[in-house]
């Protein structure tokens, strides 16, 4: 797992031609996952996962 600039934990798991990216907020233990193409950069994949995590956190009121 890597730590993003925002403080979120990011994990990449390659599955064939796809990559599963999980993003975790360590303060709330909220976790989201996305699946993207393995040809995408880690930066692109992590930004997409972080956007989803921030959406979920906002929806939860955090």
PDB file of N, CA and C in Angstrom:
ATOM      1  N   UNK A   1       0.830  -1.177   0.000  1.00  0.00           N
ATOM      2  CA  UNK A   1       0.000   0.000   0.000  1.00  0.00           C
ATOM      3  C   UNK A   1       0.875   1.240   0.000  1.00  0.00           C
ATOM      4  N   UNK A   2       0.420   2.228  -0.705  1.00  0.00           N
ATOM      5  CA  UNK A   2       1.130   3.504  -0.763  1.00  0.00           C
ATOM      6  C   UNK A   2       0.256   4.574  -0.129  1.00  0.00           C
ATOM      7  N   UNK A   3       0.866   5.659   0.285  1.00  0.00           N
ATOM      8  CA  UNK A   3       0.127   6.772   0.855  1.00  0.00           C
ATOM      9  C   UNK A   3       0.078   7.897  -0.173  1.00  0.00           C
ATOM     10  N   UNK A   4      -1.122   8.424  -0.407  1.00  0.00           N
ATOM     11  CA  UNK A   4      -1.267   9.516  -1.377  1.00  0.00           C
ATOM     12  C   UNK A   4      -0.925  10.845  -0.723  1.00  0.00           C
ATOM     13  N   UNK A   5      -0.860  11.887  -1.539  1.00  0.00           N
ATOM     14  CA  UNK A   5      -0.580  13.231  -1.030  1.00  0.00           C
ATOM     15  C   UNK A   5      -1.655  13.705  -0.058  1.00  0.00           C
ATOM     16  N   UNK A   6      -2.880  13.203  -0.222  1.00  0.00           N
ATOM     17  CA  UNK A   6      -3.991  13.604   0.637  1.00  0.00           C
ATOM     18  C   UNK A   6      -4.016  12.818   1.940  1.00  0.00           C
ATOM     19  N   UNK A   7      -3.137  11.823   2.098  1.00  0.00           N
ATOM     20  CA  UNK A   7      -3.102  11.017   3.310  1.00  0.00           C
ATOM     21  C   UNK A   7      -3.904   9.735   3.219  1.00  0.00           C
ATOM     22  N   UNK A   8      -4.462   9.449   2.065  1.00  0.00           N
ATOM     23  CA  UNK A   8      -5.219   8.212   1.878  1.00  0.00           C
ATOM     24  C   UNK A   8      -4.272   7.067   1.556  1.00  0.00           C
ATOM     25  N   UNK A   9      -4.665   5.855   1.927  1.00  0.00           N
ATOM     26  CA  UNK A   9      -3.888   4.666   1.588  1.00  0.00           C
ATOM     27  C   UNK A   9      -4.403   4.118   0.270  1.00  0.00           C
ATOM     28  N   UNK A  10      -3.485   3.798  -0.639  1.00  0.00           N
ATOM     29  CA  UNK A  10      -3.835   3.331  -1.980  1.00  0.00           C
ATOM     30  C   UNK A  10      -3.184   1.975  -2.209  1.00  0.00           C
ATOM     31  N   UNK A  11      -3.964   1.022  -2.749  1.00  0.00           N
ATOM     32  CA  UNK A  11      -3.441  -0.305  -3.055  1.00  0.00           C
ATOM     33  C   UNK A  11      -3.794  -0.654  -4.504  1.00  0.00           C
ATOM     34  N   UNK A  12      -2.809  -1.197  -5.233  1.00  0.00           N
ATOM     35  CA  UNK A  12      -2.993  -1.616  -6.621  1.00  0.00           C
ATOM     36  C   UNK A  12      -2.843  -3.127  -6.702  1.00  0.00           C
ATOM     37  N   UNK A  13      -3.831  -3.794  -7.328  1.00  0.00           N
ATOM     38  CA  UNK A  13      -3.748  -5.241  -7.553  1.00  0.00           C
ATOM     39  C   UNK A  13      -4.051  -5.488  -9.025  1.00  0.00           C
ATOM     40  N   UNK A  14      -3.042  -5.982  -9.740  1.00  0.00           N
ATOM     41  CA  UNK A  14      -3.229  -6.256 -11.167  1.00  0.00           C
ATOM     42  C   UNK A  14      -3.917  -7.611 -11.334  1.00  0.00           C
ATOM     43  N   UNK A  15      -4.954  -7.622 -12.182  1.00  0.00           N
ATOM     44  CA  UNK A  15      -5.720  -8.835 -12.479  1.00  0.00           C
ATOM     45  C   UNK A  15      -5.856  -8.903 -13.990  1.00  0.00           C
ATOM     46  N   UNK A  16      -4.956  -9.616 -14.643  1.00  0.00           N
ATOM     47  CA  UNK A  16      -4.972  -9.696 -16.100  1.00  0.00           C
ATOM     48  C   UNK A  16      -4.725  -8.343 -16.731  1.00  0.00           C
ATOM     49  N   UNK A  17      -5.666  -7.896 -17.560  1.00  0.00           N
ATOM     50  CA  UNK A  17      -5.540  -6.602 -18.236  1.00  0.00           C
ATOM     51  C   UNK A  17      -6.154  -5.459 -17.439  1.00  0.00           C
ATOM     52  N   UNK A  18      -6.532  -5.737 -16.191  1.00  0.00           N
ATOM     53  CA  UNK A  18      -7.165  -4.730 -15.349  1.00  0.00           C
ATOM     54  C   UNK A  18      -6.371  -4.539 -14.061  1.00  0.00           C
ATOM     55  N   UNK A  19      -6.656  -3.442 -13.392  1.00  0.00           N
ATOM     56  CA  UNK A  19      -6.048  -3.161 -12.092  1.00  0.00           C
ATOM     57  C   UNK A  19      -7.162  -2.766 -11.136  1.00  0.00           C
ATOM     58  N   UNK A  20      -7.212  -3.449  -9.988  1.00  0.00           N
ATOM     59  CA  UNK A  20      -8.140  -3.064  -8.932  1.00  0.00           C
ATOM     60  C   UNK A  20      -7.400  -2.090  -8.022  1.00  0.00           C
ATOM     61  N   UNK A  21      -8.003  -0.934  -7.806  1.00  0.00           N
ATOM     62  CA  UNK A  21      -7.392   0.092  -6.961  1.00  0.00           C
ATOM     63  C   UNK A  21      -8.314   0.327  -5.773  1.00  0.00           C
ATOM     64  N   UNK A  22      -7.767   0.176  -4.573  1.00  0.00           N
ATOM     65  CA  UNK A  22      -8.514   0.446  -3.352  1.00  0.00           C
ATOM     66  C   UNK A  22      -7.939   1.690  -2.704  1.00  0.00           C
ATOM     67  N   UNK A  23      -8.814   2.547  -2.207  1.00  0.00           N
ATOM     68  CA  UNK A  23      -8.410   3.750  -1.492  1.00  0.00           C
ATOM     69  C   UNK A  23      -9.083   3.732  -0.125  1.00  0.00           C
ATOM     70  N   UNK A  24      -8.294   4.000   0.925  1.00  0.00           N
ATOM     71  CA  UNK A  24      -8.795   3.956   2.292  1.00  0.00           C
ATOM     72  C   UNK A  24      -8.496   5.271   2.990  1.00  0.00           C
ATOM     73  N   UNK A  25      -9.487   5.805   3.689  1.00  0.00           N
ATOM     74  CA  UNK A  25      -9.286   6.966   4.552  1.00  0.00           C
ATOM     75  C   UNK A  25      -8.949   6.424   5.938  1.00  0.00           C
ATOM     76  N   UNK A  26      -7.716   6.602   6.420  1.00  0.00           N
ATOM     77  CA  UNK A  26      -7.320   6.008   7.697  1.00  0.00           C
ATOM     78  C   UNK A  26      -8.053   6.584   8.909  1.00  0.00           C
ATOM     79  N   UNK A  27      -8.611   7.777   8.793  1.00  0.00           N
ATOM     80  CA  UNK A  27      -9.335   8.361   9.923  1.00  0.00           C
ATOM     81  C   UNK A  27     -10.689   7.710  10.127  1.00  0.00           C
ATOM     82  N   UNK A  28     -11.398   7.399   9.043  1.00  0.00           N
ATOM     83  CA  UNK A  28     -12.748   6.839   9.143  1.00  0.00           C
ATOM     84  C   UNK A  28     -12.805   5.361   8.785  1.00  0.00           C
ATOM     85  N   UNK A  29     -11.699   4.814   8.272  1.00  0.00           N
ATOM     86  CA  UNK A  29     -11.635   3.434   7.781  1.00  0.00           C
ATOM     87  C   UNK A  29     -12.614   3.176   6.637  1.00  0.00           C
ATOM     88  N   UNK A  30     -12.999   4.227   5.932  1.00  0.00           N
ATOM     89  CA  UNK A  30     -13.852   4.083   4.755  1.00  0.00           C
ATOM     90  C   UNK A  30     -12.987   3.628   3.590  1.00  0.00           C
ATOM     91  N   UNK A  31     -13.464   2.608   2.873  1.00  0.00           N
ATOM     92  CA  UNK A  31     -12.712   2.046   1.747  1.00  0.00           C
ATOM     93  C   UNK A  31     -13.592   1.994   0.510  1.00  0.00           C
ATOM     94  N   UNK A  32     -13.017   2.345  -0.626  1.00  0.00           N
ATOM     95  CA  UNK A  32     -13.680   2.213  -1.920  1.00  0.00           C
ATOM     96  C   UNK A  32     -12.725   1.520  -2.874  1.00  0.00           C
ATOM     97  N   UNK A  33     -13.288   0.943  -3.915  1.00  0.00           N
ATOM     98  CA  UNK A  33     -12.481   0.286  -4.947  1.00  0.00           C
ATOM     99  C   UNK A  33     -12.984   0.677  -6.320  1.00  0.00           C
ATOM    100  N   UNK A  34     -12.058   0.700  -7.260  1.00  0.00           N
ATOM    101  CA  UNK A  34     -12.388   0.884  -8.670  1.00  0.00           C
ATOM    102  C   UNK A  34     -11.597  -0.148  -9.464  1.00  0.00           C
ATOM    103  N   UNK A  35     -11.996  -0.365 -10.690  1.00  0.00           N
ATOM    104  CA  UNK A  35     -11.250  -1.229 -11.605  1.00  0.00           C
ATOM    105  C   UNK A  35     -10.965  -0.414 -12.853  1.00  0.00           C
ATOM    106  N   UNK A  36      -9.699  -0.413 -13.270  1.00  0.00           N
ATOM    107  CA  UNK A  36      -9.301   0.336 -14.451  1.00  0.00           C
ATOM    108  C   UNK A  36      -8.418  -0.501 -15.353  1.00  0.00           C
ATOM    109  N   UNK A  37      -8.115   0.035 -16.498  1.00  0.00           N
ATOM    110  CA  UNK A  37      -7.253  -0.651 -17.458  1.00  0.00           C
ATOM    111  C   UNK A  37      -5.809  -0.632 -16.968  1.00  0.00           C
ATOM    112  N   UNK A  38      -5.107  -1.741 -17.174  1.00  0.00           N
ATOM    113  CA  UNK A  38      -3.714  -1.833 -16.757  1.00  0.00           C
ATOM    114  C   UNK A  38      -2.826  -0.870 -17.537  1.00  0.00           C
ATOM    115  N   UNK A  39      -3.300  -0.384 -18.666  1.00  0.00           N
ATOM    116  CA  UNK A  39      -2.520   0.558 -19.470  1.00  0.00           C
ATOM    117  C   UNK A  39      -2.552   1.982 -18.904  1.00  0.00           C
ATOM    118  N   UNK A  40      -3.448   2.247 -17.960  1.00  0.00           N
ATOM    119  CA  UNK A  40      -3.523   3.572 -17.340  1.00  0.00           C
ATOM    120  C   UNK A  40      -2.389   3.733 -16.333  1.00  0.00           C
ATOM    121  N   UNK A  41      -1.945   4.963 -16.113  1.00  0.00           N
ATOM    122  CA  UNK A  41      -0.870   5.202 -15.151  1.00  0.00           C
ATOM    123  C   UNK A  41      -1.404   5.059 -13.719  1.00  0.00           C
ATOM    124  N   UNK A  42      -0.493   4.792 -12.786  1.00  0.00           N
ATOM    125  CA  UNK A  42      -0.890   4.692 -11.385  1.00  0.00           C
ATOM    126  C   UNK A  42      -1.478   6.019 -10.908  1.00  0.00           C
ATOM    127  N   UNK A  43      -0.955   7.117 -11.413  1.00  0.00           N
ATOM    128  CA  UNK A  43      -1.476   8.433 -11.024  1.00  0.00           C
ATOM    129  C   UNK A  43      -2.938   8.576 -11.443  1.00  0.00           C
ATOM    130  N   UNK A  44      -3.256   8.202 -12.682  1.00  0.00           N
ATOM    131  CA  UNK A  44      -4.633   8.303 -13.168  1.00  0.00           C
ATOM    132  C   UNK A  44      -5.563   7.414 -12.352  1.00  0.00           C
ATOM    133  N   UNK A  45      -5.118   6.195 -12.093  1.00  0.00           N
ATOM    134  CA  UNK A  45      -5.943   5.251 -11.339  1.00  0.00           C
ATOM    135  C   UNK A  45      -6.149   5.714  -9.900  1.00  0.00           C
ATOM    136  N   UNK A  46      -5.085   6.184  -9.277  1.00  0.00           N
ATOM    137  CA  UNK A  46      -5.217   6.616  -7.886  1.00  0.00           C
ATOM    138  C   UNK A  46      -6.098   7.863  -7.785  1.00  0.00           C
ATOM    139  N   UNK A  47      -5.987   8.797  -8.739  1.00  0.00           N
ATOM    140  CA  UNK A  47      -6.845   9.986  -8.723  1.00  0.00           C
ATOM    141  C   UNK A  47      -8.315   9.595  -8.848  1.00  0.00           C
ATOM    142  N   UNK A  48      -8.624   8.621  -9.706  1.00  0.00           N
ATOM    143  CA  UNK A  48     -10.012   8.177  -9.862  1.00  0.00           C
ATOM    144  C   UNK A  48     -10.530   7.547  -8.565  1.00  0.00           C
ATOM    145  N   UNK A  49      -9.692   6.737  -7.912  1.00  0.00           N
ATOM    146  CA  UNK A  49     -10.096   6.101  -6.651  1.00  0.00           C
ATOM    147  C   UNK A  49     -10.279   7.151  -5.554  1.00  0.00           C
ATOM    148  N   UNK A  50      -9.399   8.141  -5.513  1.00  0.00           N
ATOM    149  CA  UNK A  50      -9.501   9.195  -4.496  1.00  0.00           C
ATOM    150  C   UNK A  50     -10.749  10.046  -4.723  1.00  0.00           C
ATOM    151  N   UNK A  51     -11.059  10.347  -5.987  1.00  0.00           N
ATOM    152  CA  UNK A  51     -12.288  11.099  -6.275  1.00  0.00           C
ATOM    153  C   UNK A  51     -13.511  10.339  -5.765  1.00  0.00           C
ATOM    154  N   UNK A  52     -13.526   9.018  -5.983  1.00  0.00           N
ATOM    155  CA  UNK A  52     -14.645   8.207  -5.506  1.00  0.00           C
ATOM    156  C   UNK A  52     -14.688   8.205  -3.980  1.00  0.00           C
ATOM    157  N   UNK A  53     -13.533   8.062  -3.339  1.00  0.00           N
ATOM    158  CA  UNK A  53     -13.482   8.057  -1.880  1.00  0.00           C
ATOM    159  C   UNK A  53     -13.975   9.393  -1.330  1.00  0.00           C
ATOM    160  N   UNK A  54     -13.535  10.495  -1.904  1.00  0.00           N
ATOM    161  CA  UNK A  54     -13.976  11.802  -1.437  1.00  0.00           C
ATOM    162  C   UNK A  54     -15.477  12.003  -1.648  1.00  0.00           C
ATOM    163  N   UNK A  55     -16.011  11.461  -2.733  1.00  0.00           N
ATOM    164  CA  UNK A  55     -17.453  11.506  -2.970  1.00  0.00           C
ATOM    165  C   UNK A  55     -18.195  10.754  -1.868  1.00  0.00           C
ATOM    166  N   UNK A  56     -17.725   9.547  -1.552  1.00  0.00           N
ATOM    167  CA  UNK A  56     -18.377   8.735  -0.520  1.00  0.00           C
ATOM    168  C   UNK A  56     -18.270   9.421   0.846  1.00  0.00           C
ATOM    169  N   UNK A  57     -17.115   9.963   1.156  1.00  0.00           N
ATOM    170  CA  UNK A  57     -16.938  10.647   2.446  1.00  0.00           C
ATOM    171  C   UNK A  57     -17.871  11.855   2.546  1.00  0.00           C
ATOM    172  N   UNK A  58     -18.003  12.612   1.460  1.00  0.00           N
ATOM    173  CA  UNK A  58     -18.901  13.768   1.458  1.00  0.00           C
ATOM    174  C   UNK A  58     -20.346  13.338   1.632  1.00  0.00           C
ATOM    175  N   UNK A  59     -20.708  12.247   0.979  1.00  0.00           N
ATOM    176  CA  UNK A  59     -22.067  11.739   1.076  1.00  0.00           C
ATOM    177  C   UNK A  59     -22.380  11.264   2.489  1.00  0.00           C
ATOM    178  N   UNK A  60     -21.378  10.740   3.181  1.00  0.00           N
ATOM    179  CA  UNK A  60     -21.553  10.274   4.561  1.00  0.00           C
ATOM    180  C   UNK A  60     -21.577  11.439   5.544  1.00  0.00           C
ATOM    181  N   UNK A  61     -21.239  12.618   5.068  1.00  0.00           N
ATOM    182  CA  UNK A  61     -21.242  13.790   5.925  1.00  0.00           C
ATOM    183  C   UNK A  61     -19.902  14.063   6.580  1.00  0.00           C
ATOM    184  N   UNK A  62     -18.852  13.384   6.112  1.00  0.00           N
ATOM    185  CA  UNK A  62     -17.530  13.567   6.720  1.00  0.00           C
ATOM    186  C   UNK A  62     -16.691  14.417   5.879  1.00  0.00           C
TER     187      UNK A  62
END
